[in-house]
Amino acid sequence: MTNFVLVAGAWLGSWAWSDVLPDLRAAGHVVHPLTLSGLADKQGARAGQQTHVDDIVDHVERLGLRDVVLVGHSYAGIPVGQAAERIGDRLARVVFVDAVVPADGGSFVSSWPEGRAQVEAAIAAHDGFWPPPAAADCAGHELGEAATARLVAGATPHPGATLTEPAVLRGTLAPLPATYVKCLLDGAEPSPDVVALLKGERWELVTMETGHWPMFSRPRELARVLLDAAGTGR
């Protein structure tokens, strides 16, 4: 039995995984969709990036979870990558779903040079929060009207400090058993830092012919990818 710990990206909470959960549970696994501090049903909680790392680590340790597959989507790859390093032998695998991968001293905005000024300006103009996406921001990602409306309605402002504070790692992520899921409608190639990690023996690449939010556009296919990554899909 695998413990899947699912962490969605910016603006989203545990609710974003609802269409992925049934297939994981039907395969006999335990699933823990998390909401990070300051988001969704945890709006109002103070949050920096290390708060989000602690959210994940504390959940794993408080419940005594083992055989853990940590799944981080988009922004959440940064706290998930740090948490994967910290939970030690509790980790079975880490899965980055079209995600930003942490580097020691780097942040979400530093990993996105072409958008850094835009994100920082938006945070400054919205009282320290990154405002949620509009429907237009979801175009081209294989989301129909219903899925787009659901995503936009559920999204909440994202605590800006989590995007600008640096990651803290003891070393490279190369030794971690990892799967990187690239959603091809969001770009044909992973970022250069991910490409470098994929050259190692413990990382593998999986591609999906969909957009940046596969938990909405192709939830059952994503569930199968996660089961395969955990070695339980056969």
C-alpha atoms as a PDB file:
ATOM      1  CA  MET A   1       0.000   0.000   0.000  1.00  0.00           C
ATOM      2  CA  THR A   2       1.323   3.384  -1.039  1.00  0.00           C
ATOM      3  CA  ASN A   3       0.582   6.681   0.692  1.00  0.00           C
ATOM      4  CA  PHE A   4       0.112   9.291  -2.015  1.00  0.00           C
ATOM      5  CA  VAL A   5       0.538  12.850  -0.743  1.00  0.00           C
ATOM      6  CA  LEU A   6      -0.801  15.234  -3.390  1.00  0.00           C
ATOM      7  CA  VAL A   7       0.034  18.944  -3.410  1.00  0.00           C
ATOM      8  CA  ALA A   8      -1.432  21.203  -6.092  1.00  0.00           C
ATOM      9  CA  GLY A   9       0.218  24.317  -7.460  1.00  0.00           C
ATOM     10  CA  ALA A  10      -0.341  28.030  -6.987  1.00  0.00           C
ATOM     11  CA  TRP A  11      -3.827  29.217  -5.997  1.00  0.00           C
ATOM     12  CA  LEU A  12      -5.168  25.673  -5.498  1.00  0.00           C
ATOM     13  CA  GLY A  13      -5.974  23.422  -2.553  1.00  0.00           C
ATOM     14  CA  SER A  14      -6.729  19.774  -1.861  1.00  0.00           C
ATOM     15  CA  TRP A  15     -10.009  20.086  -3.764  1.00  0.00           C
ATOM     16  CA  ALA A  16      -8.117  20.253  -7.075  1.00  0.00           C
ATOM     17  CA  TRP A  17      -7.328  16.504  -6.903  1.00  0.00           C
ATOM     18  CA  SER A  18     -10.917  15.292  -6.476  1.00  0.00           C
ATOM     19  CA  ASP A  19     -11.120  13.687  -9.946  1.00  0.00           C
ATOM     20  CA  VAL A  20      -7.783  11.893  -9.467  1.00  0.00           C
ATOM     21  CA  LEU A  21      -8.565  10.334  -6.089  1.00  0.00           C
ATOM     22  CA  PRO A  22     -11.032   7.587  -7.072  1.00  0.00           C
ATOM     23  CA  ASP A  23      -8.637   5.639  -9.287  1.00  0.00           C
ATOM     24  CA  LEU A  24      -5.815   5.819  -6.740  1.00  0.00           C
ATOM     25  CA  ARG A  25      -8.108   4.612  -3.979  1.00  0.00           C
ATOM     26  CA  ALA A  26      -9.631   1.911  -6.185  1.00  0.00           C
ATOM     27  CA  ALA A  27      -6.116   0.522  -6.635  1.00  0.00           C
ATOM     28  CA  GLY A  28      -5.928   0.022  -2.863  1.00  0.00           C
ATOM     29  CA  HIS A  29      -3.830   3.004  -1.849  1.00  0.00           C
ATOM     30  CA  VAL A  30      -4.265   5.745   0.731  1.00  0.00           C
ATOM     31  CA  VAL A  31      -4.428   9.266  -0.654  1.00  0.00           C
ATOM     32  CA  HIS A  32      -3.687  12.488   1.212  1.00  0.00           C
ATOM     33  CA  PRO A  33      -4.562  15.600  -0.821  1.00  0.00           C
ATOM     34  CA  LEU A  34      -3.109  18.587   1.040  1.00  0.00           C
ATOM     35  CA  THR A  35      -4.014  22.249   1.195  1.00  0.00           C
ATOM     36  CA  LEU A  36      -0.997  24.417   1.928  1.00  0.00           C
ATOM     37  CA  SER A  37      -1.168  27.251   4.450  1.00  0.00           C
ATOM     38  CA  GLY A  38      -2.770  30.452   3.185  1.00  0.00           C
ATOM     39  CA  LEU A  39      -4.718  28.771   0.356  1.00  0.00           C
ATOM     40  CA  ALA A  40      -8.270  27.496  -0.233  1.00  0.00           C
ATOM     41  CA  ASP A  41      -9.806  26.439   3.095  1.00  0.00           C
ATOM     42  CA  LYS A  42      -6.637  27.642   4.903  1.00  0.00           C
ATOM     43  CA  GLN A  43      -6.904  31.247   3.702  1.00  0.00           C
ATOM     44  CA  GLY A  44      -5.747  33.726   6.302  1.00  0.00           C
ATOM     45  CA  ALA A  45      -2.914  31.567   7.643  1.00  0.00           C
ATOM     46  CA  ARG A  46       0.470  33.277   7.459  1.00  0.00           C
ATOM     47  CA  ALA A  47       2.761  31.473   5.031  1.00  0.00           C
ATOM     48  CA  GLY A  48       6.297  31.645   3.733  1.00  0.00           C
ATOM     49  CA  GLN A  49       7.934  28.993   1.611  1.00  0.00           C
ATOM     50  CA  GLN A  50       9.280  27.056   4.581  1.00  0.00           C
ATOM     51  CA  THR A  51       5.770  27.042   6.041  1.00  0.00           C
ATOM     52  CA  HIS A  52       4.699  25.062   2.991  1.00  0.00           C
ATOM     53  CA  VAL A  53       7.610  22.650   3.374  1.00  0.00           C
ATOM     54  CA  ASP A  54       6.641  22.169   7.013  1.00  0.00           C
ATOM     55  CA  ASP A  55       2.994  21.594   6.046  1.00  0.00           C
ATOM     56  CA  ILE A  56       4.065  18.570   4.001  1.00  0.00           C
ATOM     57  CA  VAL A  57       6.709  17.177   6.350  1.00  0.00           C
ATOM     58  CA  ASP A  58       4.491  17.612   9.424  1.00  0.00           C
ATOM     59  CA  HIS A  59       1.633  15.734   7.738  1.00  0.00           C
ATOM     60  CA  VAL A  60       3.866  12.794   6.856  1.00  0.00           C
ATOM     61  CA  GLU A  61       5.491  12.627  10.282  1.00  0.00           C
ATOM     62  CA  ARG A  62       2.338  13.275  12.342  1.00  0.00           C
ATOM     63  CA  LEU A  63       0.545  10.355  10.676  1.00  0.00           C
ATOM     64  CA  GLY A  64       3.641   8.160  10.676  1.00  0.00           C
ATOM     65  CA  LEU A  65       3.361   7.597   6.932  1.00  0.00           C
ATOM     66  CA  ARG A  66       5.765   5.314   5.115  1.00  0.00           C
ATOM     67  CA  ASP A  67       6.077   4.243   1.472  1.00  0.00           C
ATOM     68  CA  VAL A  68       5.219   7.823   0.604  1.00  0.00           C
ATOM     69  CA  VAL A  69       4.879   9.091  -2.950  1.00  0.00           C
ATOM     70  CA  LEU A  70       5.048  12.873  -2.783  1.00  0.00           C
ATOM     71  CA  VAL A  71       3.377  14.570  -5.747  1.00  0.00           C
ATOM     72  CA  GLY A  72       3.956  18.264  -6.449  1.00  0.00           C
ATOM     73  CA  HIS A  73       2.238  20.161  -9.247  1.00  0.00           C
ATOM     74  CA  SER A  74       3.598  23.433 -10.666  1.00  0.00           C
ATOM     75  CA  TYR A  75       4.711  25.759  -7.815  1.00  0.00           C
ATOM     76  CA  ALA A  76       4.291  22.928  -5.306  1.00  0.00           C
ATOM     77  CA  GLY A  77       7.318  21.185  -6.769  1.00  0.00           C
ATOM     78  CA  ILE A  78       9.447  23.603  -4.758  1.00  0.00           C
ATOM     79  CA  PRO A  79       8.136  22.683  -1.281  1.00  0.00           C
ATOM     80  CA  VAL A  80       7.607  19.043  -2.286  1.00  0.00           C
ATOM     81  CA  GLY A  81      11.223  18.719  -3.442  1.00  0.00           C
ATOM     82  CA  GLN A  82      12.474  20.093  -0.136  1.00  0.00           C
ATOM     83  CA  ALA A  83      10.093  17.892   1.848  1.00  0.00           C
ATOM     84  CA  ALA A  84      11.239  14.820  -0.107  1.00  0.00           C
ATOM     85  CA  GLU A  85      14.775  15.448   1.082  1.00  0.00           C
ATOM     86  CA  ARG A  86      13.639  15.868   4.683  1.00  0.00           C
ATOM     87  CA  ILE A  87      11.430  12.801   5.130  1.00  0.00           C
ATOM     88  CA  GLY A  88      14.299  10.408   4.440  1.00  0.00           C
ATOM     89  CA  ASP A  89      13.464   6.717   4.245  1.00  0.00           C
ATOM     90  CA  ARG A  90       9.738   7.413   4.458  1.00  0.00           C
ATOM     91  CA  LEU A  91       9.949   8.440   0.796  1.00  0.00           C
ATOM     92  CA  ALA A  92       9.246   5.898  -1.935  1.00  0.00           C
ATOM     93  CA  ARG A  93       9.240   8.360  -4.829  1.00  0.00           C
ATOM     94  CA  VAL A  94       8.676  12.012  -5.661  1.00  0.00           C
ATOM     95  CA  VAL A  95       6.624  12.995  -8.713  1.00  0.00           C
ATOM     96  CA  PHE A  96       6.859  16.482 -10.196  1.00  0.00           C
ATOM     97  CA  VAL A  97       3.806  17.259 -12.345  1.00  0.00           C
ATOM     98  CA  ASP A  98       4.753  20.029 -14.803  1.00  0.00           C
ATOM     99  CA  ALA A  99       6.476  21.512 -11.795  1.00  0.00           C
ATOM    100  CA  VAL A 100       9.231  23.866 -10.776  1.00  0.00           C
ATOM    101  CA  VAL A 101      12.027  21.898  -9.125  1.00  0.00           C
ATOM    102  CA  PRO A 102      13.844  23.543  -6.208  1.00  0.00           C
ATOM    103  CA  ALA A 103      17.484  24.568  -6.186  1.00  0.00           C
ATOM    104  CA  ASP A 104      19.237  25.641  -3.001  1.00  0.00           C
ATOM    105  CA  GLY A 105      18.954  29.417  -2.693  1.00  0.00           C
ATOM    106  CA  GLY A 106      16.564  29.654  -5.640  1.00  0.00           C
ATOM    107  CA  SER A 107      12.894  30.625  -5.570  1.00  0.00           C
ATOM    108  CA  PHE A 108       9.826  30.238  -7.752  1.00  0.00           C
ATOM    109  CA  VAL A 109      10.337  33.653  -9.327  1.00  0.00           C
ATOM    110  CA  SER A 110      14.055  33.120  -9.890  1.00  0.00           C
ATOM    111  CA  SER A 111      13.219  29.942 -11.806  1.00  0.00           C
ATOM    112  CA  TRP A 112      10.983  31.949 -14.112  1.00  0.00           C
ATOM    113  CA  PRO A 113      13.178  34.835 -15.320  1.00  0.00           C
ATOM    114  CA  GLU A 114      10.835  35.959 -18.095  1.00  0.00           C
ATOM    115  CA  GLY A 115       7.934  36.285 -15.671  1.00  0.00           C
ATOM    116  CA  ARG A 116       9.689  37.401 -12.508  1.00  0.00           C
ATOM    117  CA  ALA A 117       9.039  41.115 -12.839  1.00  0.00           C
ATOM    118  CA  GLN A 118       5.399  40.494 -13.718  1.00  0.00           C
ATOM    119  CA  VAL A 119       4.810  38.196 -10.739  1.00  0.00           C
ATOM    120  CA  GLU A 120       6.599  40.489  -8.293  1.00  0.00           C
ATOM    121  CA  ALA A 121       4.636  43.501  -9.560  1.00  0.00           C
ATOM    122  CA  ALA A 122       1.356  41.615  -9.175  1.00  0.00           C
ATOM    123  CA  ILE A 123       2.260  40.598  -5.616  1.00  0.00           C
ATOM    124  CA  ALA A 124       3.147  44.186  -4.711  1.00  0.00           C
ATOM    125  CA  ALA A 125      -0.116  45.478  -6.172  1.00  0.00           C
ATOM    126  CA  HIS A 126      -2.283  42.944  -4.319  1.00  0.00           C
ATOM    127  CA  ASP A 127      -1.205  43.296  -0.698  1.00  0.00           C
ATOM    128  CA  GLY A 128       1.428  40.563  -0.836  1.00  0.00           C
ATOM    129  CA  PHE A 129      -0.590  37.979  -2.761  1.00  0.00           C
ATOM    130  CA  TRP A 130      -0.403  36.672  -6.317  1.00  0.00           C
ATOM    131  CA  PRO A 131      -3.913  37.094  -7.712  1.00  0.00           C
ATOM    132  CA  PRO A 132      -5.693  33.993  -9.083  1.00  0.00           C
ATOM    133  CA  PRO A 133      -5.888  33.300 -12.814  1.00  0.00           C
ATOM    134  CA  ALA A 134      -8.747  34.425 -15.036  1.00  0.00           C
ATOM    135  CA  ALA A 135     -10.452  32.184 -17.566  1.00  0.00           C
ATOM    136  CA  ALA A 136      -8.269  33.629 -20.320  1.00  0.00           C
ATOM    137  CA  ASP A 137      -5.145  32.345 -18.520  1.00  0.00           C
ATOM    138  CA  CYS A 138      -6.455  28.798 -18.874  1.00  0.00           C
ATOM    139  CA  ALA A 139      -6.841  28.924 -22.657  1.00  0.00           C
ATOM    140  CA  GLY A 140      -4.832  26.406 -24.674  1.00  0.00           C
ATOM    141  CA  HIS A 141      -4.554  23.891 -21.835  1.00  0.00           C
ATOM    142  CA  GLU A 142      -7.252  21.420 -22.925  1.00  0.00           C
ATOM    143  CA  LEU A 143      -9.706  22.711 -20.351  1.00  0.00           C
ATOM    144  CA  GLY A 144     -13.312  22.945 -21.412  1.00  0.00           C
ATOM    145  CA  GLU A 145     -15.690  25.580 -20.152  1.00  0.00           C
ATOM    146  CA  ALA A 146     -16.774  23.569 -17.113  1.00  0.00           C
ATOM    147  CA  ALA A 147     -13.226  22.723 -15.968  1.00  0.00           C
ATOM    148  CA  THR A 148     -12.062  26.287 -16.541  1.00  0.00           C
ATOM    149  CA  ALA A 149     -14.976  27.666 -14.545  1.00  0.00           C
ATOM    150  CA  ARG A 150     -14.255  25.207 -11.722  1.00  0.00           C
ATOM    151  CA  LEU A 151     -10.563  26.063 -11.601  1.00  0.00           C
ATOM    152  CA  VAL A 152     -11.151  29.817 -11.651  1.00  0.00           C
ATOM    153  CA  ALA A 153     -13.947  29.671  -9.073  1.00  0.00           C
ATOM    154  CA  GLY A 154     -11.867  27.578  -6.666  1.00  0.00           C
ATOM    155  CA  ALA A 155      -8.583  29.449  -7.003  1.00  0.00           C
ATOM    156  CA  THR A 156      -7.584  31.762  -4.151  1.00  0.00           C
ATOM    157  CA  PRO A 157      -4.862  34.426  -3.863  1.00  0.00           C
ATOM    158  CA  HIS A 158      -1.447  32.844  -3.336  1.00  0.00           C
ATOM    159  CA  PRO A 159       0.833  34.081  -0.507  1.00  0.00           C
ATOM    160  CA  GLY A 160       3.576  36.035  -2.252  1.00  0.00           C
ATOM    161  CA  ALA A 161       6.370  35.196   0.184  1.00  0.00           C
ATOM    162  CA  THR A 162       6.183  31.533  -0.808  1.00  0.00           C
ATOM    163  CA  LEU A 163       7.087  32.552  -4.353  1.00  0.00           C
ATOM    164  CA  THR A 164      10.002  34.840  -3.545  1.00  0.00           C
ATOM    165  CA  GLU A 165      11.730  33.166  -0.586  1.00  0.00           C
ATOM    166  CA  PRO A 166      14.667  30.835  -1.344  1.00  0.00           C
ATOM    167  CA  ALA A 167      14.596  27.061  -1.145  1.00  0.00           C
ATOM    168  CA  VAL A 168      16.830  25.317   1.392  1.00  0.00           C
ATOM    169  CA  LEU A 169      18.396  22.023   0.322  1.00  0.00           C
ATOM    170  CA  ARG A 170      21.172  19.938   1.822  1.00  0.00           C
ATOM    171  CA  GLY A 171      22.352  18.823  -1.600  1.00  0.00           C
ATOM    172  CA  THR A 172      21.261  18.049  -5.138  1.00  0.00           C
ATOM    173  CA  LEU A 173      17.957  16.293  -5.810  1.00  0.00           C
ATOM    174  CA  ALA A 174      19.681  13.871  -8.194  1.00  0.00           C
ATOM    175  CA  PRO A 175      19.809  10.972  -5.674  1.00  0.00           C
ATOM    176  CA  LEU A 176      16.049  11.065  -5.063  1.00  0.00           C
ATOM    177  CA  PRO A 177      13.903   8.491  -6.891  1.00  0.00           C
ATOM    178  CA  ALA A 178      11.872  10.846  -9.069  1.00  0.00           C
ATOM    179  CA  THR A 179       9.489  11.057 -11.992  1.00  0.00           C
ATOM    180  CA  TYR A 180       9.026  14.273 -13.927  1.00  0.00           C
ATOM    181  CA  VAL A 181       5.705  14.582 -15.774  1.00  0.00           C
ATOM    182  CA  LYS A 182       5.908  17.056 -18.667  1.00  0.00           C
ATOM    183  CA  CYS A 183       2.598  18.376 -19.969  1.00  0.00           C
ATOM    184  CA  LEU A 184       3.345  19.078 -23.609  1.00  0.00           C
ATOM    185  CA  LEU A 185       0.748  21.787 -24.241  1.00  0.00           C
ATOM    186  CA  ASP A 186       2.683  23.846 -21.675  1.00  0.00           C
ATOM    187  CA  GLY A 187       5.958  23.493 -23.577  1.00  0.00           C
ATOM    188  CA  ALA A 188       7.650  20.660 -25.390  1.00  0.00           C
ATOM    189  CA  GLU A 189      10.706  20.382 -23.136  1.00  0.00           C
ATOM    190  CA  PRO A 190      11.377  20.507 -19.403  1.00  0.00           C
ATOM    191  CA  SER A 191      13.481  23.369 -18.072  1.00  0.00           C
ATOM    192  CA  PRO A 192      17.284  23.037 -18.335  1.00  0.00           C
ATOM    193  CA  ASP A 193      17.668  22.206 -14.638  1.00  0.00           C
ATOM    194  CA  VAL A 194      15.179  19.357 -14.987  1.00  0.00           C
ATOM    195  CA  VAL A 195      16.899  18.127 -18.153  1.00  0.00           C
ATOM    196  CA  ALA A 196      20.135  17.927 -16.171  1.00  0.00           C
ATOM    197  CA  LEU A 197      18.470  15.925 -13.386  1.00  0.00           C
ATOM    198  CA  LEU A 198      16.921  13.555 -15.912  1.00  0.00           C
ATOM    199  CA  LYS A 199      20.401  12.549 -17.010  1.00  0.00           C
ATOM    200  CA  GLY A 200      20.842  10.833 -13.660  1.00  0.00           C
ATOM    201  CA  GLU A 201      19.996   7.187 -13.058  1.00  0.00           C
ATOM    202  CA  ARG A 202      17.181   7.809 -10.561  1.00  0.00           C
ATOM    203  CA  TRP A 203      15.043  10.249 -12.563  1.00  0.00           C
ATOM    204  CA  GLU A 204      12.616   9.389 -15.329  1.00  0.00           C
ATOM    205  CA  LEU A 205      10.544  11.475 -17.737  1.00  0.00           C
ATOM    206  CA  VAL A 206       6.878  10.895 -18.573  1.00  0.00           C
ATOM    207  CA  THR A 207       4.977  13.057 -21.029  1.00  0.00           C
ATOM    208  CA  MET A 208       1.269  13.829 -21.235  1.00  0.00           C
ATOM    209  CA  GLU A 209      -0.442  15.333 -24.276  1.00  0.00           C
ATOM    210  CA  THR A 210      -2.344  17.890 -22.235  1.00  0.00           C
ATOM    211  CA  GLY A 211      -2.029  21.284 -20.577  1.00  0.00           C
ATOM    212  CA  HIS A 212      -0.642  22.533 -17.295  1.00  0.00           C
ATOM    213  CA  TRP A 213      -3.536  21.332 -15.107  1.00  0.00           C
ATOM    214  CA  PRO A 214      -3.856  17.600 -15.896  1.00  0.00           C
ATOM    215  CA  MET A 215      -5.833  16.933 -12.708  1.00  0.00           C
ATOM    216  CA  PHE A 216      -8.647  18.851 -14.447  1.00  0.00           C
ATOM    217  CA  SER A 217      -8.032  18.005 -18.108  1.00  0.00           C
ATOM    218  CA  ARG A 218      -7.027  14.304 -17.855  1.00  0.00           C
ATOM    219  CA  PRO A 219      -7.483  13.118 -14.269  1.00  0.00           C
ATOM    220  CA  ARG A 220      -7.731   9.411 -14.984  1.00  0.00           C
ATOM    221  CA  GLU A 221      -4.639   9.454 -17.180  1.00  0.00           C
ATOM    222  CA  LEU A 222      -2.786  11.352 -14.469  1.00  0.00           C
ATOM    223  CA  ALA A 223      -3.886   8.787 -11.895  1.00  0.00           C
ATOM    224  CA  ARG A 224      -2.441   6.036 -14.102  1.00  0.00           C
ATOM    225  CA  VAL A 225       0.832   7.961 -14.435  1.00  0.00           C
ATOM    226  CA  LEU A 226       1.036   8.263 -10.646  1.00  0.00           C
ATOM    227  CA  LEU A 227       0.318   4.560 -10.138  1.00  0.00           C
ATOM    228  CA  ASP A 228       2.990   3.657 -12.680  1.00  0.00           C
ATOM    229  CA  ALA A 229       5.483   6.031 -11.060  1.00  0.00           C
ATOM    230  CA  ALA A 230       4.840   4.330  -7.738  1.00  0.00           C
ATOM    231  CA  GLY A 231       5.384   0.936  -9.348  1.00  0.00           C
ATOM    232  CA  THR A 232       1.810  -0.105  -8.622  1.00  0.00           C
ATOM    233  CA  GLY A 233       0.245   0.388 -12.046  1.00  0.00           C
ATOM    234  CA  ARG A 234       0.801  -3.106 -13.374  1.00  0.00           C
END
